[in-house]
């Protein structure tokens, strides 16, 4: 089980109704933050999930509405008593951006490890984190987070392989055991692989084809919907963003379970008025709002 809170659902500038882009993933008491726009700390304080256990911060790109809240957050994490290293992941140039922002928070009680434009998946805090280059006006990456699920214990298989019962629990935990000169591996007592939980986060970008495979079979696809109206397509193209309909088309082609639209332009006061532009294409669409919480569980 994993809990997700959309801390900020706005784009461009904060409004009284919406803070800026930010998402918090809570898994087994450890947290991953995606983006850190203005208002992130306030939204987190209202949410009440705490600051100290944020192990990873994933930044999509260097525009202010996605990162300006970072210096203050880093200071608050330090004031919370954290001493363990913290990892920041981002696109090309993120190290320079973070270092410049840290001019106002030069001293922290923990180390920061920066990973720039990762070319391979990373396994951190119990999740596999993958990145995809997007098409925005500055280097930008989307993220997917995958939580694996252990295979079921297969008693018949264990008996057939003549595995001593005293070793079953150890092997089920994934450990290899050598007993009486014979090597026993977890595969000797475990069944086939089971599907985990996949979360994808895509903003800011035009709807490029590589997104479809990247988000494929996501349990939750969180996608920018900067413009709700279909007639705002020209604006979306010029500013390298998406409309509700374009996000829904990606969800449909990617075979995701649920679409969560976010990153609304400040000019769109009531996104609900345009929800059908997405729902008519992908029915299982919900609209983001600050501190919207979703709990995802493993599917059989």
C-alpha atoms as a PDB file:
ATOM      1  CA  UNK A   1       0.000   0.000   0.000  1.00  0.00           C
ATOM      2  CA  UNK A   2       1.208   3.500  -0.848  1.00  0.00           C
ATOM      3  CA  UNK A   3      -0.314   6.897  -0.011  1.00  0.00           C
ATOM      4  CA  UNK A   4      -0.093   9.858  -2.365  1.00  0.00           C
ATOM      5  CA  UNK A   5      -0.937  13.485  -1.602  1.00  0.00           C
ATOM      6  CA  UNK A   6      -1.152  16.158  -4.285  1.00  0.00           C
ATOM      7  CA  UNK A   7       0.248  19.106  -2.334  1.00  0.00           C
ATOM      8  CA  UNK A   8      -0.139  21.700  -5.071  1.00  0.00           C
ATOM      9  CA  UNK A   9      -2.322  21.577  -8.177  1.00  0.00           C
ATOM     10  CA  UNK A  10      -1.515  24.957  -9.720  1.00  0.00           C
ATOM     11  CA  UNK A  11       0.851  26.064 -12.449  1.00  0.00           C
ATOM     12  CA  UNK A  12       2.477  29.373 -13.282  1.00  0.00           C
ATOM     13  CA  UNK A  13       1.757  31.261 -10.059  1.00  0.00           C
ATOM     14  CA  UNK A  14       0.120  30.388  -6.731  1.00  0.00           C
ATOM     15  CA  UNK A  15      -3.463  31.505  -6.126  1.00  0.00           C
ATOM     16  CA  UNK A  16      -5.630  31.599  -2.988  1.00  0.00           C
ATOM     17  CA  UNK A  17      -7.164  28.319  -4.144  1.00  0.00           C
ATOM     18  CA  UNK A  18      -4.031  26.460  -5.261  1.00  0.00           C
ATOM     19  CA  UNK A  19      -0.392  26.121  -4.347  1.00  0.00           C
ATOM     20  CA  UNK A  20       2.119  25.213  -7.039  1.00  0.00           C
ATOM     21  CA  UNK A  21       3.292  21.867  -8.371  1.00  0.00           C
ATOM     22  CA  UNK A  22       4.162  19.313  -5.703  1.00  0.00           C
ATOM     23  CA  UNK A  23       3.360  15.671  -4.937  1.00  0.00           C
ATOM     24  CA  UNK A  24       4.203  13.600  -1.859  1.00  0.00           C
ATOM     25  CA  UNK A  25       4.533   9.804  -1.927  1.00  0.00           C
ATOM     26  CA  UNK A  26       4.437   7.996   1.406  1.00  0.00           C
ATOM     27  CA  UNK A  27       5.583   4.370   1.444  1.00  0.00           C
ATOM     28  CA  UNK A  28       6.350   2.443   4.626  1.00  0.00           C
ATOM     29  CA  UNK A  29       6.879   5.693   6.519  1.00  0.00           C
ATOM     30  CA  UNK A  30       9.469   7.065   4.076  1.00  0.00           C
ATOM     31  CA  UNK A  31       8.663   9.837   1.638  1.00  0.00           C
ATOM     32  CA  UNK A  32       9.477  10.992  -1.875  1.00  0.00           C
ATOM     33  CA  UNK A  33       8.624  14.546  -2.925  1.00  0.00           C
ATOM     34  CA  UNK A  34       8.062  15.387  -6.586  1.00  0.00           C
ATOM     35  CA  UNK A  35       8.530  19.092  -7.374  1.00  0.00           C
ATOM     36  CA  UNK A  36       8.569  21.860  -4.784  1.00  0.00           C
ATOM     37  CA  UNK A  37       6.710  24.935  -5.955  1.00  0.00           C
ATOM     38  CA  UNK A  38       5.627  27.846  -3.766  1.00  0.00           C
ATOM     39  CA  UNK A  39       3.303  26.716  -0.995  1.00  0.00           C
ATOM     40  CA  UNK A  40       4.740  23.213  -0.671  1.00  0.00           C
ATOM     41  CA  UNK A  41       5.739  23.666   2.965  1.00  0.00           C
ATOM     42  CA  UNK A  42       2.400  25.187   3.929  1.00  0.00           C
ATOM     43  CA  UNK A  43       0.501  22.382   2.238  1.00  0.00           C
ATOM     44  CA  UNK A  44       2.702  19.784   3.940  1.00  0.00           C
ATOM     45  CA  UNK A  45       2.114  21.423   7.308  1.00  0.00           C
ATOM     46  CA  UNK A  46      -1.641  21.319   6.778  1.00  0.00           C
ATOM     47  CA  UNK A  47      -1.403  17.695   5.645  1.00  0.00           C
ATOM     48  CA  UNK A  48       0.561  16.727   8.748  1.00  0.00           C
ATOM     49  CA  UNK A  49       2.708  13.938   7.310  1.00  0.00           C
ATOM     50  CA  UNK A  50       5.961  15.456   8.578  1.00  0.00           C
ATOM     51  CA  UNK A  51       9.196  16.647   6.961  1.00  0.00           C
ATOM     52  CA  UNK A  52      12.012  14.603   8.501  1.00  0.00           C
ATOM     53  CA  UNK A  53      11.399  11.376   6.555  1.00  0.00           C
ATOM     54  CA  UNK A  54      11.693  12.874   3.045  1.00  0.00           C
ATOM     55  CA  UNK A  55      14.507  10.806   1.527  1.00  0.00           C
ATOM     56  CA  UNK A  56      14.247  11.857  -2.125  1.00  0.00           C
ATOM     57  CA  UNK A  57      13.180  15.019  -3.929  1.00  0.00           C
ATOM     58  CA  UNK A  58      12.494  14.599  -7.662  1.00  0.00           C
ATOM     59  CA  UNK A  59      12.420  17.843  -9.626  1.00  0.00           C
ATOM     60  CA  UNK A  60      10.888  17.831 -13.106  1.00  0.00           C
ATOM     61  CA  UNK A  61      12.563  21.051 -14.280  1.00  0.00           C
ATOM     62  CA  UNK A  62      13.974  24.368 -13.201  1.00  0.00           C
ATOM     63  CA  UNK A  63      11.023  26.690 -13.730  1.00  0.00           C
ATOM     64  CA  UNK A  64      10.101  28.613 -10.600  1.00  0.00           C
ATOM     65  CA  UNK A  65       6.633  27.123 -10.164  1.00  0.00           C
ATOM     66  CA  UNK A  66       8.278  23.724  -9.678  1.00  0.00           C
ATOM     67  CA  UNK A  67      11.320  24.523  -7.536  1.00  0.00           C
ATOM     68  CA  UNK A  68      11.158  27.915  -5.782  1.00  0.00           C
ATOM     69  CA  UNK A  69       9.923  26.289  -2.567  1.00  0.00           C
ATOM     70  CA  UNK A  70      13.041  24.116  -2.286  1.00  0.00           C
ATOM     71  CA  UNK A  71      15.418  26.300  -0.184  1.00  0.00           C
ATOM     72  CA  UNK A  72      12.918  26.800   2.603  1.00  0.00           C
ATOM     73  CA  UNK A  73      11.961  23.145   2.588  1.00  0.00           C
ATOM     74  CA  UNK A  74      15.585  22.026   2.882  1.00  0.00           C
ATOM     75  CA  UNK A  75      15.974  24.298   5.899  1.00  0.00           C
ATOM     76  CA  UNK A  76      12.809  22.951   7.506  1.00  0.00           C
ATOM     77  CA  UNK A  77      13.956  19.369   6.966  1.00  0.00           C
ATOM     78  CA  UNK A  78      17.206  20.288   8.731  1.00  0.00           C
ATOM     79  CA  UNK A  79      15.318  21.900  11.607  1.00  0.00           C
ATOM     80  CA  UNK A  80      13.250  18.727  11.951  1.00  0.00           C
ATOM     81  CA  UNK A  81      16.367  16.884  13.128  1.00  0.00           C
ATOM     82  CA  UNK A  82      17.330  15.027   9.998  1.00  0.00           C
ATOM     83  CA  UNK A  83      20.974  13.994   9.719  1.00  0.00           C
ATOM     84  CA  UNK A  84      20.733  11.227   7.081  1.00  0.00           C
ATOM     85  CA  UNK A  85      21.717  12.124   3.487  1.00  0.00           C
ATOM     86  CA  UNK A  86      18.976  13.328   1.148  1.00  0.00           C
ATOM     87  CA  UNK A  87      18.904  12.712  -2.606  1.00  0.00           C
ATOM     88  CA  UNK A  88      17.771  15.261  -5.193  1.00  0.00           C
ATOM     89  CA  UNK A  89      17.080  14.032  -8.734  1.00  0.00           C
ATOM     90  CA  UNK A  90      16.487  16.308 -11.689  1.00  0.00           C
ATOM     91  CA  UNK A  91      17.157  17.095 -15.354  1.00  0.00           C
ATOM     92  CA  UNK A  92      20.324  18.444 -16.932  1.00  0.00           C
ATOM     93  CA  UNK A  93      21.432  21.534 -15.013  1.00  0.00           C
ATOM     94  CA  UNK A  94      19.722  20.652 -11.729  1.00  0.00           C
ATOM     95  CA  UNK A  95      22.969  20.640  -9.755  1.00  0.00           C
ATOM     96  CA  UNK A  96      23.712  24.234 -10.696  1.00  0.00           C
ATOM     97  CA  UNK A  97      20.125  25.292  -9.930  1.00  0.00           C
ATOM     98  CA  UNK A  98      20.152  23.652  -6.492  1.00  0.00           C
ATOM     99  CA  UNK A  99      23.552  25.113  -5.637  1.00  0.00           C
ATOM    100  CA  UNK A 100      22.357  28.603  -6.596  1.00  0.00           C
ATOM    101  CA  UNK A 101      19.182  28.253  -4.523  1.00  0.00           C
ATOM    102  CA  UNK A 102      21.257  27.096  -1.572  1.00  0.00           C
ATOM    103  CA  UNK A 103      22.935  30.480  -1.288  1.00  0.00           C
ATOM    104  CA  UNK A 104      20.255  31.283   1.288  1.00  0.00           C
ATOM    105  CA  UNK A 105      20.577  27.884   3.038  1.00  0.00           C
ATOM    106  CA  UNK A 106      24.322  27.148   2.907  1.00  0.00           C
ATOM    107  CA  UNK A 107      24.472  25.149   6.135  1.00  0.00           C
ATOM    108  CA  UNK A 108      22.445  21.962   6.569  1.00  0.00           C
ATOM    109  CA  UNK A 109      22.918  19.136   9.110  1.00  0.00           C
ATOM    110  CA  UNK A 110      22.664  16.510   6.378  1.00  0.00           C
ATOM    111  CA  UNK A 111      24.409  15.782   3.092  1.00  0.00           C
ATOM    112  CA  UNK A 112      22.677  16.341  -0.256  1.00  0.00           C
ATOM    113  CA  UNK A 113      23.396  13.928  -3.103  1.00  0.00           C
ATOM    114  CA  UNK A 114      22.400  15.255  -6.531  1.00  0.00           C
ATOM    115  CA  UNK A 115      21.664  12.941  -9.455  1.00  0.00           C
ATOM    116  CA  UNK A 116      21.424  14.803 -12.754  1.00  0.00           C
ATOM    117  CA  UNK A 117      19.462  13.442 -15.718  1.00  0.00           C
ATOM    118  CA  UNK A 118      19.558   9.737 -14.685  1.00  0.00           C
ATOM    119  CA  UNK A 119      19.933   7.391 -17.655  1.00  0.00           C
ATOM    120  CA  UNK A 120      19.077   4.271 -15.668  1.00  0.00           C
ATOM    121  CA  UNK A 121      16.423   3.395 -13.109  1.00  0.00           C
ATOM    122  CA  UNK A 122      17.286   4.006  -9.461  1.00  0.00           C
ATOM    123  CA  UNK A 123      16.213   1.935  -6.462  1.00  0.00           C
ATOM    124  CA  UNK A 124      15.712   4.242  -3.482  1.00  0.00           C
ATOM    125  CA  UNK A 125      13.508   4.004  -0.373  1.00  0.00           C
ATOM    126  CA  UNK A 126      11.876   0.786  -1.539  1.00  0.00           C
ATOM    127  CA  UNK A 127      10.821   2.147  -4.949  1.00  0.00           C
ATOM    128  CA  UNK A 128      12.266   1.931  -8.437  1.00  0.00           C
ATOM    129  CA  UNK A 129      12.459   5.437  -9.908  1.00  0.00           C
ATOM    130  CA  UNK A 130      12.669   5.902 -13.683  1.00  0.00           C
ATOM    131  CA  UNK A 131      12.936   9.130 -15.676  1.00  0.00           C
ATOM    132  CA  UNK A 132      11.925  10.214 -19.176  1.00  0.00           C
ATOM    133  CA  UNK A 133      13.030  13.297 -21.108  1.00  0.00           C
ATOM    134  CA  UNK A 134      10.043  15.470 -22.008  1.00  0.00           C
ATOM    135  CA  UNK A 135       9.385  18.264 -24.502  1.00  0.00           C
ATOM    136  CA  UNK A 136       9.245  21.584 -22.669  1.00  0.00           C
ATOM    137  CA  UNK A 137      10.914  24.965 -23.047  1.00  0.00           C
ATOM    138  CA  UNK A 138      13.731  23.924 -20.689  1.00  0.00           C
ATOM    139  CA  UNK A 139      15.275  20.525 -19.844  1.00  0.00           C
ATOM    140  CA  UNK A 140      12.462  18.574 -18.192  1.00  0.00           C
ATOM    141  CA  UNK A 141      11.906  14.970 -17.114  1.00  0.00           C
ATOM    142  CA  UNK A 142       8.908  12.907 -16.099  1.00  0.00           C
ATOM    143  CA  UNK A 143       9.028  10.192 -13.456  1.00  0.00           C
ATOM    144  CA  UNK A 144       7.602   6.775 -12.815  1.00  0.00           C
ATOM    145  CA  UNK A 145       7.680   5.037  -9.449  1.00  0.00           C
ATOM    146  CA  UNK A 146       7.322   1.280  -9.173  1.00  0.00           C
ATOM    147  CA  UNK A 147       6.771  -0.640  -5.952  1.00  0.00           C
ATOM    148  CA  UNK A 148       7.477  -4.327  -6.449  1.00  0.00           C
ATOM    149  CA  UNK A 149       5.511  -7.095  -4.772  1.00  0.00           C
ATOM    150  CA  UNK A 150       7.023 -10.266  -3.384  1.00  0.00           C
ATOM    151  CA  UNK A 151       5.856 -13.553  -4.931  1.00  0.00           C
ATOM    152  CA  UNK A 152       3.613 -15.792  -2.837  1.00  0.00           C
ATOM    153  CA  UNK A 153       5.080 -18.677  -0.884  1.00  0.00           C
ATOM    154  CA  UNK A 154       4.478 -21.925  -2.817  1.00  0.00           C
ATOM    155  CA  UNK A 155       4.314 -24.806  -0.346  1.00  0.00           C
ATOM    156  CA  UNK A 156       3.893 -27.466  -3.024  1.00  0.00           C
ATOM    157  CA  UNK A 157       6.979 -26.196  -4.811  1.00  0.00           C
ATOM    158  CA  UNK A 158       8.987 -26.172  -1.576  1.00  0.00           C
ATOM    159  CA  UNK A 159       8.021 -29.781  -0.857  1.00  0.00           C
ATOM    160  CA  UNK A 160       8.755 -30.854  -4.423  1.00  0.00           C
ATOM    161  CA  UNK A 161      12.217 -29.249  -4.205  1.00  0.00           C
ATOM    162  CA  UNK A 162      12.752 -31.054  -0.874  1.00  0.00           C
ATOM    163  CA  UNK A 163      13.446 -27.818   0.981  1.00  0.00           C
ATOM    164  CA  UNK A 164      13.589 -28.361   4.772  1.00  0.00           C
ATOM    165  CA  UNK A 165      10.720 -26.621   6.574  1.00  0.00           C
ATOM    166  CA  UNK A 166      13.195 -24.914   8.889  1.00  0.00           C
ATOM    167  CA  UNK A 167      14.464 -22.894   5.899  1.00  0.00           C
ATOM    168  CA  UNK A 168      11.114 -21.804   4.476  1.00  0.00           C
ATOM    169  CA  UNK A 169      10.833 -18.487   6.317  1.00  0.00           C
ATOM    170  CA  UNK A 170      14.425 -17.496   5.544  1.00  0.00           C
ATOM    171  CA  UNK A 171      14.044 -18.251   1.853  1.00  0.00           C
ATOM    172  CA  UNK A 172      10.706 -16.472   1.736  1.00  0.00           C
ATOM    173  CA  UNK A 173      12.505 -13.318   2.926  1.00  0.00           C
ATOM    174  CA  UNK A 174      14.723 -13.549  -0.154  1.00  0.00           C
ATOM    175  CA  UNK A 175      17.850 -14.925   1.484  1.00  0.00           C
ATOM    176  CA  UNK A 176      20.043 -17.719   0.098  1.00  0.00           C
ATOM    177  CA  UNK A 177      20.880 -20.529   2.520  1.00  0.00           C
ATOM    178  CA  UNK A 178      23.544 -23.233   2.455  1.00  0.00           C
ATOM    179  CA  UNK A 179      22.566 -26.203   4.616  1.00  0.00           C
ATOM    180  CA  UNK A 180      24.376 -29.572   4.869  1.00  0.00           C
ATOM    181  CA  UNK A 181      26.444 -28.667   1.842  1.00  0.00           C
ATOM    182  CA  UNK A 182      23.438 -27.847  -0.360  1.00  0.00           C
ATOM    183  CA  UNK A 183      22.487 -24.400  -1.638  1.00  0.00           C
ATOM    184  CA  UNK A 184      18.864 -23.315  -1.307  1.00  0.00           C
ATOM    185  CA  UNK A 185      17.565 -20.247  -3.184  1.00  0.00           C
ATOM    186  CA  UNK A 186      14.340 -18.234  -2.719  1.00  0.00           C
ATOM    187  CA  UNK A 187      13.071 -19.332  -6.140  1.00  0.00           C
ATOM    188  CA  UNK A 188      12.768 -22.862  -4.734  1.00  0.00           C
ATOM    189  CA  UNK A 189       9.890 -21.834  -2.447  1.00  0.00           C
ATOM    190  CA  UNK A 190       8.346 -18.836  -4.229  1.00  0.00           C
ATOM    191  CA  UNK A 191       5.734 -18.701  -6.952  1.00  0.00           C
ATOM    192  CA  UNK A 192       5.645 -16.492 -10.038  1.00  0.00           C
ATOM    193  CA  UNK A 193       6.208 -12.736  -9.955  1.00  0.00           C
ATOM    194  CA  UNK A 194       3.236 -10.583  -8.980  1.00  0.00           C
ATOM    195  CA  UNK A 195       2.335  -7.165 -10.308  1.00  0.00           C
ATOM    196  CA  UNK A 196       3.415  -4.205  -8.208  1.00  0.00           C
ATOM    197  CA  UNK A 197       2.126  -0.621  -8.039  1.00  0.00           C
ATOM    198  CA  UNK A 198       3.104   1.930 -10.693  1.00  0.00           C
ATOM    199  CA  UNK A 199       2.706   5.706 -10.438  1.00  0.00           C
ATOM    200  CA  UNK A 200       3.625   8.051 -13.287  1.00  0.00           C
ATOM    201  CA  UNK A 201       4.091  11.831 -13.080  1.00  0.00           C
ATOM    202  CA  UNK A 202       4.292  13.862 -16.294  1.00  0.00           C
ATOM    203  CA  UNK A 203       4.621  17.670 -16.357  1.00  0.00           C
ATOM    204  CA  UNK A 204       5.471  20.045 -18.154  1.00  0.00           C
ATOM    205  CA  UNK A 205       5.454  18.886 -21.760  1.00  0.00           C
ATOM    206  CA  UNK A 206       3.777  18.410 -25.071  1.00  0.00           C
ATOM    207  CA  UNK A 207       2.271  14.911 -25.561  1.00  0.00           C
ATOM    208  CA  UNK A 208       5.221  13.108 -27.164  1.00  0.00           C
ATOM    209  CA  UNK A 209       4.949   9.455 -28.232  1.00  0.00           C
ATOM    210  CA  UNK A 210       7.567   8.155 -25.763  1.00  0.00           C
ATOM    211  CA  UNK A 211       5.254   8.998 -22.887  1.00  0.00           C
ATOM    212  CA  UNK A 212       2.848   6.215 -23.876  1.00  0.00           C
ATOM    213  CA  UNK A 213       5.275   3.351 -23.191  1.00  0.00           C
ATOM    214  CA  UNK A 214       6.656   5.133 -20.144  1.00  0.00           C
ATOM    215  CA  UNK A 215       3.272   5.358 -18.403  1.00  0.00           C
ATOM    216  CA  UNK A 216       2.001   1.993 -19.655  1.00  0.00           C
ATOM    217  CA  UNK A 217      -0.202   0.125 -17.152  1.00  0.00           C
ATOM    218  CA  UNK A 218       0.195   2.788 -14.453  1.00  0.00           C
ATOM    219  CA  UNK A 219      -2.186   2.443 -11.529  1.00  0.00           C
ATOM    220  CA  UNK A 220      -2.202   6.230 -11.331  1.00  0.00           C
ATOM    221  CA  UNK A 221      -1.126   8.593 -14.097  1.00  0.00           C
ATOM    222  CA  UNK A 222      -0.649  12.144 -12.817  1.00  0.00           C
ATOM    223  CA  UNK A 223      -0.539  14.445 -15.809  1.00  0.00           C
ATOM    224  CA  UNK A 224      -0.428  18.154 -16.431  1.00  0.00           C
ATOM    225  CA  UNK A 225      -3.670  19.692 -17.659  1.00  0.00           C
ATOM    226  CA  UNK A 226      -2.614  23.303 -17.950  1.00  0.00           C
ATOM    227  CA  UNK A 227      -5.508  24.133 -20.279  1.00  0.00           C
ATOM    228  CA  UNK A 228      -9.013  22.730 -19.898  1.00  0.00           C
ATOM    229  CA  UNK A 229     -10.558  24.105 -23.084  1.00  0.00           C
ATOM    230  CA  UNK A 230      -9.972  22.300 -26.370  1.00  0.00           C
ATOM    231  CA  UNK A 231      -9.842  25.672 -28.120  1.00  0.00           C
ATOM    232  CA  UNK A 232      -6.736  26.533 -26.062  1.00  0.00           C
ATOM    233  CA  UNK A 233      -4.707  24.011 -28.048  1.00  0.00           C
ATOM    234  CA  UNK A 234      -2.713  26.770 -29.764  1.00  0.00           C
ATOM    235  CA  UNK A 235      -1.710  28.136 -26.353  1.00  0.00           C
ATOM    236  CA  UNK A 236      -0.674  24.655 -25.254  1.00  0.00           C
ATOM    237  CA  UNK A 237       1.473  24.198 -28.349  1.00  0.00           C
ATOM    238  CA  UNK A 238       3.110  27.624 -28.046  1.00  0.00           C
ATOM    239  CA  UNK A 239       3.875  27.193 -24.334  1.00  0.00           C
ATOM    240  CA  UNK A 240       4.709  23.476 -24.583  1.00  0.00           C
ATOM    241  CA  UNK A 241       1.963  22.317 -22.269  1.00  0.00           C
ATOM    242  CA  UNK A 242      -1.118  20.099 -22.647  1.00  0.00           C
ATOM    243  CA  UNK A 243      -4.886  20.359 -22.689  1.00  0.00           C
ATOM    244  CA  UNK A 244      -7.197  18.083 -20.691  1.00  0.00           C
ATOM    245  CA  UNK A 245      -8.031  16.187 -23.880  1.00  0.00           C
ATOM    246  CA  UNK A 246      -4.370  15.556 -24.707  1.00  0.00           C
ATOM    247  CA  UNK A 247      -3.690  14.190 -21.241  1.00  0.00           C
ATOM    248  CA  UNK A 248      -6.700  11.905 -21.565  1.00  0.00           C
ATOM    249  CA  UNK A 249      -5.519  10.608 -24.936  1.00  0.00           C
ATOM    250  CA  UNK A 250      -2.169   9.646 -23.382  1.00  0.00           C
ATOM    251  CA  UNK A 251      -3.987   7.870 -20.539  1.00  0.00           C
ATOM    252  CA  UNK A 252      -6.098   5.919 -23.018  1.00  0.00           C
ATOM    253  CA  UNK A 253      -3.153   4.880 -25.196  1.00  0.00           C
ATOM    254  CA  UNK A 254      -1.055   4.010 -22.144  1.00  0.00           C
ATOM    255  CA  UNK A 255      -3.705   1.735 -20.688  1.00  0.00           C
ATOM    256  CA  UNK A 256      -3.516   3.367 -17.261  1.00  0.00           C
ATOM    257  CA  UNK A 257      -6.050   2.642 -14.539  1.00  0.00           C
ATOM    258  CA  UNK A 258      -6.749   6.221 -13.443  1.00  0.00           C
ATOM    259  CA  UNK A 259      -5.863   9.721 -14.661  1.00  0.00           C
ATOM    260  CA  UNK A 260      -5.292  12.619 -12.271  1.00  0.00           C
ATOM    261  CA  UNK A 261      -5.075  16.006 -13.997  1.00  0.00           C
ATOM    262  CA  UNK A 262      -3.174  18.836 -12.316  1.00  0.00           C
ATOM    263  CA  UNK A 263      -1.001  21.937 -12.977  1.00  0.00           C
ATOM    264  CA  UNK A 264      -3.950  24.184 -13.833  1.00  0.00           C
ATOM    265  CA  UNK A 265      -3.299  27.641 -15.267  1.00  0.00           C
ATOM    266  CA  UNK A 266      -4.289  30.481 -12.875  1.00  0.00           C
ATOM    267  CA  UNK A 267      -6.768  31.668 -15.525  1.00  0.00           C
ATOM    268  CA  UNK A 268      -8.771  28.449 -15.108  1.00  0.00           C
ATOM    269  CA  UNK A 269     -10.789  29.181 -11.980  1.00  0.00           C
ATOM    270  CA  UNK A 270     -13.117  26.182 -12.253  1.00  0.00           C
ATOM    271  CA  UNK A 271     -11.437  23.165 -13.875  1.00  0.00           C
ATOM    272  CA  UNK A 272     -14.624  21.153 -13.282  1.00  0.00           C
ATOM    273  CA  UNK A 273     -16.275  23.042 -16.146  1.00  0.00           C
ATOM    274  CA  UNK A 274     -13.912  21.322 -18.586  1.00  0.00           C
ATOM    275  CA  UNK A 275     -13.630  17.875 -17.013  1.00  0.00           C
ATOM    276  CA  UNK A 276     -15.746  16.276 -19.735  1.00  0.00           C
ATOM    277  CA  UNK A 277     -13.131  17.243 -22.312  1.00  0.00           C
ATOM    278  CA  UNK A 278     -10.975  14.560 -20.674  1.00  0.00           C
ATOM    279  CA  UNK A 279     -13.643  12.198 -19.304  1.00  0.00           C
ATOM    280  CA  UNK A 280     -15.270  11.793 -22.724  1.00  0.00           C
ATOM    281  CA  UNK A 281     -11.959  10.283 -23.889  1.00  0.00           C
ATOM    282  CA  UNK A 282     -10.830   8.585 -20.674  1.00  0.00           C
ATOM    283  CA  UNK A 283     -13.765   8.111 -18.261  1.00  0.00           C
ATOM    284  CA  UNK A 284     -11.713   7.333 -15.150  1.00  0.00           C
ATOM    285  CA  UNK A 285     -10.432  10.905 -14.858  1.00  0.00           C
ATOM    286  CA  UNK A 286     -10.249  12.949 -11.660  1.00  0.00           C
ATOM    287  CA  UNK A 287      -9.246  16.578 -11.227  1.00  0.00           C
ATOM    288  CA  UNK A 288      -6.509  17.551  -8.825  1.00  0.00           C
ATOM    289  CA  UNK A 289      -6.990  19.765  -5.814  1.00  0.00           C
ATOM    290  CA  UNK A 290      -4.566  20.670  -3.071  1.00  0.00           C
ATOM    291  CA  UNK A 291      -4.067  17.847  -0.554  1.00  0.00           C
ATOM    292  CA  UNK A 292      -6.102  15.356  -2.534  1.00  0.00           C
ATOM    293  CA  UNK A 293      -5.076  11.961  -1.080  1.00  0.00           C
ATOM    294  CA  UNK A 294      -5.053   8.649  -2.955  1.00  0.00           C
ATOM    295  CA  UNK A 295      -4.243   5.259  -1.447  1.00  0.00           C
ATOM    296  CA  UNK A 296      -3.075   2.600  -3.894  1.00  0.00           C
ATOM    297  CA  UNK A 297      -3.055  -1.096  -3.043  1.00  0.00           C
ATOM    298  CA  UNK A 298      -1.649  -4.155  -4.779  1.00  0.00           C
ATOM    299  CA  UNK A 299      -4.023  -5.672  -7.346  1.00  0.00           C
ATOM    300  CA  UNK A 300      -4.461  -9.430  -7.649  1.00  0.00           C
END
